[in-house]
Protein backbone atom coordinates (compact mmCIF):
# COMPACT_ATOMS: atom_id res chain seq x y z
CA UNK A 1 181.67 192.55 15.08
CA UNK A 2 178.21 193.98 15.75
CA UNK A 3 177.99 196.84 18.18
CA UNK A 4 176.06 196.26 21.40
CA UNK A 5 172.79 198.12 21.70
CA UNK A 6 172.51 201.41 23.52
CA UNK A 7 170.98 201.31 26.98
CA UNK A 8 169.95 203.65 29.74
CA UNK A 9 171.30 203.18 33.26
CA UNK A 10 170.13 204.68 36.52
CA UNK A 11 172.89 206.54 38.34
CA UNK A 12 171.65 207.77 41.70
CA UNK A 13 168.26 208.54 40.21
CA UNK A 14 169.66 210.13 37.04
CA UNK A 15 169.17 208.43 33.68
CA UNK A 16 172.43 208.22 31.73
CA UNK A 17 172.40 206.93 28.15
CA UNK A 18 175.20 204.49 27.34
CA UNK A 19 176.12 203.52 23.80
CA UNK A 20 178.27 200.57 22.73
CA UNK A 21 178.87 199.33 26.31
CA UNK A 22 180.90 196.35 25.06
CA UNK A 23 183.35 198.52 23.12
CA UNK A 24 186.96 197.78 24.06
CA UNK A 25 188.85 200.58 25.78
CA UNK A 26 191.64 198.37 27.19
CA UNK A 27 191.91 195.58 24.64
CA UNK A 28 194.43 193.53 26.62
CA UNK A 29 191.93 193.11 29.47
CA UNK A 30 189.08 191.55 27.51
CA UNK A 31 185.73 192.00 29.29
CA UNK A 32 187.50 193.78 32.15
CA UNK A 33 188.53 196.52 29.72
CA UNK A 34 185.25 197.42 28.02
CA UNK A 35 183.40 200.72 28.21
CA UNK A 36 180.95 199.03 30.57
CA UNK A 37 183.83 198.05 32.89
CA UNK A 38 185.15 201.64 32.85
CA UNK A 39 181.70 203.03 33.67
CA UNK A 40 181.28 200.55 36.50
CA UNK A 41 184.73 201.40 37.83
CA UNK A 42 183.88 205.10 37.96
CA UNK A 43 180.56 204.33 39.64
CA UNK A 44 182.40 202.30 42.27
CA UNK A 45 185.04 204.95 43.10
CA UNK A 46 182.81 207.99 42.58
CA UNK A 47 182.61 209.10 46.24
CA UNK A 48 186.39 209.27 46.61
CA UNK A 49 186.99 210.58 43.09
CA UNK A 50 184.46 213.35 43.65
CA UNK A 51 186.26 214.36 46.83
CA UNK A 52 189.30 215.07 44.64
CA UNK A 53 187.58 216.82 41.71
CA UNK A 54 184.34 218.29 43.04
CA UNK A 55 183.76 221.84 41.78
CA UNK A 56 187.14 221.91 40.04
CA UNK A 57 187.20 222.78 36.32
CA UNK A 58 188.06 219.40 34.84
CA UNK A 59 189.35 218.43 31.42
CA UNK A 60 188.66 215.06 29.82
CA UNK A 61 191.40 212.87 28.36
CA UNK A 62 189.34 210.85 25.90
CA UNK A 63 190.11 207.80 23.76
CA UNK A 64 187.12 207.26 21.43
CA UNK A 65 188.75 204.20 19.83
CA UNK A 66 190.33 202.82 23.00
CA UNK A 67 193.74 203.56 24.50
CA UNK A 68 195.56 202.38 21.39
CA UNK A 69 193.72 204.94 19.30
CA UNK A 70 193.85 208.70 19.00
CA UNK A 71 193.76 210.83 22.16
CA UNK A 72 191.38 213.78 22.48
CA UNK A 73 192.19 216.26 25.26
CA UNK A 74 188.86 218.02 25.71
CA UNK A 75 188.65 221.27 27.65
CA UNK A 76 185.22 222.47 26.50
CA UNK A 77 181.95 220.78 27.35
CA UNK A 78 179.52 220.83 24.39
CA UNK A 79 176.37 222.90 24.68
CA UNK A 80 174.22 219.81 24.07
CA UNK A 81 175.45 218.03 27.23
CA UNK A 82 172.66 216.86 29.59
CA UNK A 83 171.33 219.27 32.20
CA UNK A 84 172.88 217.26 35.05
CA UNK A 85 176.37 218.00 33.64
CA UNK A 86 177.36 221.28 35.29
CA UNK A 87 180.07 223.53 33.91
CA UNK A 88 182.37 226.31 35.04
CA UNK A 89 183.88 229.12 32.95
CA UNK A 90 187.66 229.19 32.77
CA UNK A 91 190.11 231.47 31.00
CA UNK A 92 193.11 230.07 29.15
CA UNK A 93 196.56 231.72 28.98
CA UNK A 94 195.59 232.93 25.50
CA UNK A 95 192.77 234.99 27.01
CA UNK A 96 190.03 232.86 25.46
CA UNK A 97 187.38 231.32 27.71
CA UNK A 98 185.34 228.11 27.75
CA UNK A 99 182.90 226.13 29.82
CA UNK A 100 184.71 223.21 31.47
CA UNK A 101 183.19 220.27 33.31
CA UNK A 102 182.40 221.01 36.96
CA UNK A 103 182.04 217.52 38.47
CA UNK A 104 179.55 217.31 41.32
CA UNK A 105 177.78 213.99 40.86
CA UNK A 106 178.35 210.35 40.01
CA UNK A 107 176.15 210.82 36.98
CA UNK A 108 178.49 213.50 35.61
CA UNK A 109 181.47 211.14 35.96
CA UNK A 110 179.60 208.29 34.25
CA UNK A 111 178.50 210.64 31.46
CA UNK A 112 182.14 211.64 30.93
CA UNK A 113 183.18 207.98 30.79
CA UNK A 114 180.41 207.40 28.25
CA UNK A 115 182.10 210.13 26.21
CA UNK A 116 185.22 207.90 26.23
CA UNK A 117 186.96 209.79 29.05
CA UNK A 118 189.64 207.60 30.61
CA UNK A 119 191.41 210.22 32.75
CA UNK A 120 190.03 213.25 34.57
CA UNK A 121 192.32 216.30 34.74
CA UNK A 122 191.13 218.83 37.36
CA UNK A 123 192.39 222.34 37.93
CA UNK A 124 194.09 223.29 41.18
CA UNK A 125 191.37 225.87 41.89
CA UNK A 126 187.65 225.58 42.55
CA UNK A 127 184.61 227.09 40.91
CA UNK A 128 183.55 229.83 40.98
CA UNK A 129 186.83 231.41 42.18
CA UNK A 130 189.02 229.82 39.53
CA UNK A 131 191.68 232.54 39.83
CA UNK A 132 192.66 231.47 43.36
CA UNK A 133 194.50 228.12 43.39
CA UNK A 134 194.18 226.02 46.53
CA UNK A 135 196.68 223.23 45.80
CA UNK A 136 200.43 223.10 45.34
CA UNK A 137 201.11 220.13 43.08
CA UNK A 138 204.51 218.46 43.03
CA UNK A 139 205.03 216.26 39.97
CA UNK A 140 208.03 213.94 40.14
CA UNK A 141 208.48 212.95 36.50
CA UNK A 142 211.06 210.22 35.73
CA UNK A 143 213.17 210.89 32.65
CA UNK A 144 214.62 208.14 30.42
CA UNK A 145 216.95 205.98 32.45
CA UNK A 146 214.93 206.45 35.64
CA UNK A 147 211.62 205.11 36.90
CA UNK A 148 209.28 204.79 39.83
CA UNK A 149 211.99 203.61 42.23
CA UNK A 150 214.01 206.78 41.70
CA UNK A 151 210.90 208.96 42.07
CA UNK A 152 210.08 207.12 45.29
CA UNK A 153 213.59 207.75 46.64
CA UNK A 154 213.31 211.46 45.91
CA UNK A 155 209.89 211.64 47.55
CA UNK A 156 210.84 209.77 50.71
CA UNK A 157 214.40 210.91 51.29
CA UNK A 158 214.30 214.50 50.07
CA UNK A 159 210.83 215.89 49.43
CA UNK A 160 209.05 214.61 52.53
CA UNK A 161 211.69 215.94 54.98
CA UNK A 162 211.61 219.32 53.22
CA UNK A 163 207.82 219.52 53.46
CA UNK A 164 208.01 218.69 57.16
CA UNK A 165 210.57 221.46 57.70
CA UNK A 166 208.24 223.89 55.96
CA UNK A 167 205.35 222.74 58.14
CA UNK A 168 203.44 221.35 55.16
CA UNK A 169 201.35 218.19 55.06
CA UNK A 170 202.05 216.40 51.78
CA UNK A 171 199.65 213.87 50.28
CA UNK A 172 201.28 211.39 47.85
CA UNK A 173 199.74 209.35 45.07
CA UNK A 174 201.02 207.24 42.24
CA UNK A 175 200.69 208.82 38.83
CA UNK A 176 199.43 205.58 37.32
CA UNK A 177 202.67 205.38 35.37
CA UNK A 178 206.29 205.71 36.44
CA UNK A 179 205.94 208.96 38.34
CA UNK A 180 204.68 210.31 41.66
CA UNK A 181 202.51 213.24 42.64
CA UNK A 182 202.42 214.98 46.02
CA UNK A 183 199.67 217.51 46.73
CA UNK A 184 199.74 220.22 49.40
CA UNK A 185 196.59 222.20 50.26
CA UNK A 186 197.18 225.94 50.35
CA UNK A 187 195.04 228.88 51.36
CA UNK A 188 193.35 230.30 48.23
CA UNK A 189 194.80 233.79 48.54
CA UNK A 190 197.60 233.75 45.99
CA UNK A 191 197.67 234.02 42.21
CA UNK A 192 198.80 231.30 39.84
CA UNK A 193 201.94 233.34 39.18
CA UNK A 194 202.78 233.42 42.90
CA UNK A 195 202.02 229.71 43.27
CA UNK A 196 204.29 228.85 40.34
CA UNK A 197 207.05 231.01 41.83
CA UNK A 198 206.71 229.09 45.10
CA UNK A 199 206.76 225.77 43.21
CA UNK A 200 210.00 226.76 41.46
CA UNK A 201 211.59 227.55 44.83
CA UNK A 202 210.52 224.18 46.22
CA UNK A 203 211.77 222.32 43.13
CA UNK A 204 215.16 224.05 43.33
CA UNK A 205 215.51 223.18 47.00
CA UNK A 206 214.73 219.51 46.28
CA UNK A 207 217.27 219.66 43.46
CA UNK A 208 219.93 221.01 45.84
CA UNK A 209 219.25 218.31 48.41
CA UNK A 210 218.98 215.39 46.02
CA UNK A 211 222.07 216.23 43.98
CA UNK A 212 222.21 214.50 40.61
CA UNK A 213 218.95 212.61 41.27
CA UNK A 214 216.78 215.65 40.46
CA UNK A 215 216.60 218.35 37.81
CA UNK A 216 214.52 221.47 37.27
CA UNK A 217 215.71 221.87 33.66
CA UNK A 218 212.70 222.63 31.44
CA UNK A 219 214.40 221.48 28.23
CA UNK A 220 214.52 217.70 27.88
CA UNK A 221 217.97 217.78 26.30
CA UNK A 222 219.34 219.15 29.61
CA UNK A 223 217.65 216.76 32.03
CA UNK A 224 219.62 213.54 31.68
CA UNK A 225 218.70 210.42 33.65
CA UNK A 226 217.13 212.31 36.53
CA UNK A 227 213.74 213.02 38.11
CA UNK A 228 212.27 216.22 36.71
CA UNK A 229 210.27 218.29 39.20
CA UNK A 230 207.69 219.84 36.89
CA UNK A 231 207.12 223.23 38.48
CA UNK A 232 204.92 224.32 35.56
CA UNK A 233 202.14 222.01 36.74
CA UNK A 234 201.27 224.90 39.04
CA UNK A 235 200.66 227.41 36.25
CA UNK A 236 197.16 228.40 35.14
CA UNK A 237 195.40 225.84 32.95
CA UNK A 238 197.92 223.08 33.72
CA UNK A 239 196.44 219.86 35.08
CA UNK A 240 197.47 216.53 36.57
CA UNK A 241 195.53 213.26 36.45
CA UNK A 242 193.13 213.18 39.37
CA UNK A 243 193.23 210.75 42.24
CA UNK A 244 191.44 207.52 41.23
CA UNK A 245 191.64 208.27 37.49
CA UNK A 246 192.43 205.47 35.10
CA UNK A 247 195.51 205.89 32.93
CA UNK A 248 196.41 204.98 29.38
CA UNK A 249 198.25 201.75 30.18
CA UNK A 250 197.54 198.18 29.03
CA UNK A 251 196.76 197.15 32.63
CA UNK A 252 194.42 200.12 33.19
CA UNK A 253 196.46 201.37 36.13
CA UNK A 254 195.02 203.97 38.46
CA UNK A 255 196.53 207.15 39.89
CA UNK A 256 196.11 206.07 43.50
CA UNK A 257 196.56 207.91 46.80
CA UNK A 258 198.83 206.10 49.24
CA UNK A 259 200.19 206.84 52.68
CA UNK A 260 203.84 207.75 53.12
CA UNK A 261 204.28 204.39 54.84
CA UNK A 262 202.75 202.51 51.91
CA UNK A 263 204.94 204.40 49.48
CA UNK A 264 207.98 202.54 50.83
CA UNK A 265 207.08 199.35 48.97
CA UNK A 266 204.01 200.04 46.82
CA UNK A 267 204.05 198.76 43.23
CA UNK A 268 202.02 201.08 40.97
CA UNK A 269 201.36 198.22 38.56
CA UNK A 270 199.30 196.52 41.27
CA UNK A 271 196.85 199.45 41.42
CA UNK A 272 194.43 198.88 38.56
CA UNK A 273 190.81 199.05 37.44
CA UNK A 274 190.35 195.59 38.97
CA UNK A 275 192.10 196.09 42.32
CA UNK A 276 191.49 199.67 43.42
CA UNK A 277 187.75 199.32 44.25
CA UNK A 278 188.58 196.38 46.53
CA UNK A 279 191.44 198.36 48.07
CA UNK A 280 189.08 201.23 48.85
CA UNK A 281 186.60 198.85 50.45
CA UNK A 282 189.33 197.26 52.55
CA UNK A 283 191.51 200.19 53.69
CA UNK A 284 189.60 203.31 52.71
CA UNK A 285 190.90 206.48 51.09
CA UNK A 286 194.26 207.76 52.42
CA UNK A 287 193.18 211.23 51.31
CA UNK A 288 189.93 211.15 53.34
CA UNK A 289 189.21 213.83 55.90
CA UNK A 290 189.90 217.55 55.89
CA UNK A 291 193.32 218.75 54.78
CA UNK A 292 195.09 221.55 56.60
CA UNK A 293 195.55 224.58 54.35
CA UNK A 294 199.00 226.19 54.42
CA UNK A 295 200.45 229.56 53.55
CA UNK A 296 202.98 230.07 50.77
CA UNK A 297 205.13 232.46 52.79
CA UNK A 298 207.96 229.99 53.54
CA UNK A 299 208.37 229.13 49.86
CA UNK A 300 208.05 232.72 48.69
CA UNK A 301 210.81 233.67 51.14
CA UNK A 302 212.91 230.88 49.65
CA UNK A 303 212.15 232.26 46.19
CA UNK A 304 213.37 235.71 47.27
CA UNK A 305 216.61 234.18 48.54
CA UNK A 306 217.15 232.35 45.25
CA UNK A 307 216.46 235.48 43.23
CA UNK A 308 218.88 237.48 45.37
CA UNK A 309 221.47 234.82 44.52
CA UNK A 310 220.87 235.21 40.80
CA UNK A 311 218.29 232.50 40.18
CA UNK A 312 215.44 234.06 38.24
CA UNK A 313 212.34 232.71 36.55
CA UNK A 314 212.22 229.54 34.44
CA UNK A 315 210.49 228.95 31.09
CA UNK A 316 206.73 228.60 30.80
CA UNK A 317 205.05 225.98 28.60
CA UNK A 318 204.99 226.81 24.87
CA UNK A 319 201.26 227.68 24.76
CA UNK A 320 201.76 230.63 27.13
CA UNK A 321 202.40 234.19 26.00
CA UNK A 322 205.79 235.58 26.91
CA UNK A 323 205.63 236.28 30.65
CA UNK A 324 207.30 239.13 32.58
CA UNK A 325 210.75 238.13 33.81
CA UNK A 326 210.74 234.86 31.89
CA UNK A 327 214.07 233.87 30.26
CA UNK A 328 214.32 233.27 26.53
CA UNK A 329 212.09 230.40 25.55
CA UNK A 330 214.61 228.88 23.16
CA UNK A 331 215.90 225.32 23.21
CA UNK A 332 219.55 225.56 24.41
CA UNK A 333 221.03 223.63 21.48
CA UNK A 334 219.25 225.95 19.03
CA UNK A 335 220.26 229.04 20.98
CA UNK A 336 223.94 228.06 20.67
CA UNK A 337 223.61 227.76 16.92
């Protein structure tokens, strides 16, 4: 099959070169799953997507051969990127640094999609002060034997009441898969280490309240058929799919903000590349408007209580250096041997 010719499109007055616009990214969708369709989707949702990622160091989850091909998780923006693509320097846990995408325009989003980006992964801090996180991110991750319904139950019956008790405003969204994300805006005056400590305290409290529905076990062999609250999503350099990002699913589902009321009966499979632009036009963005920023003090006090009771730190991801106070980073079954 011959490749379609390259073309140049005008994006808010910026010329963006597009190659192979008819290339299939989501083969099951036919014309609705081509590179052109992805670019047009990101043009349509750009105002709301930018509200979620603007000025945040953002990684690109790319699929050069479509979602059935190899995944490239790109953190560094190449030096030859166009001038309208702004960047922001970030430091990884290893101590190395790189220039990451700093989205601030529709053209930058379209350029990223032209580079085969399907999902945008922003940091929970903003440029230039990338050492001061401003979001607490709660990732409800279903393990085998569970799914979206169980994550929804945890969010509605256990997490939301806890957030209300803490005085926090939580903002839910579908993950685009089986999980759920809830974001809380925080004041940018804590370190990533302090934020992660607060996230562990919150996860443990949800675990206590939800009983055998929830686990904070880092090792998969210990989780069972439960919802894992991934506290490590709050560590430096860890990212979650942004609001309004497409996901690697045959239907091209979208990680979509919803209200708590909508969460009661929403079906994440209904939120796709084809339906989300119309949803935005009809009901608007549930995440629109300023978010109240909260302090971490209530969760840090909870962390102190847990530590006084003998509950210390939990393992970091494997790409992190050994951290102070961290337990042995050894898979339990191997440790026993």
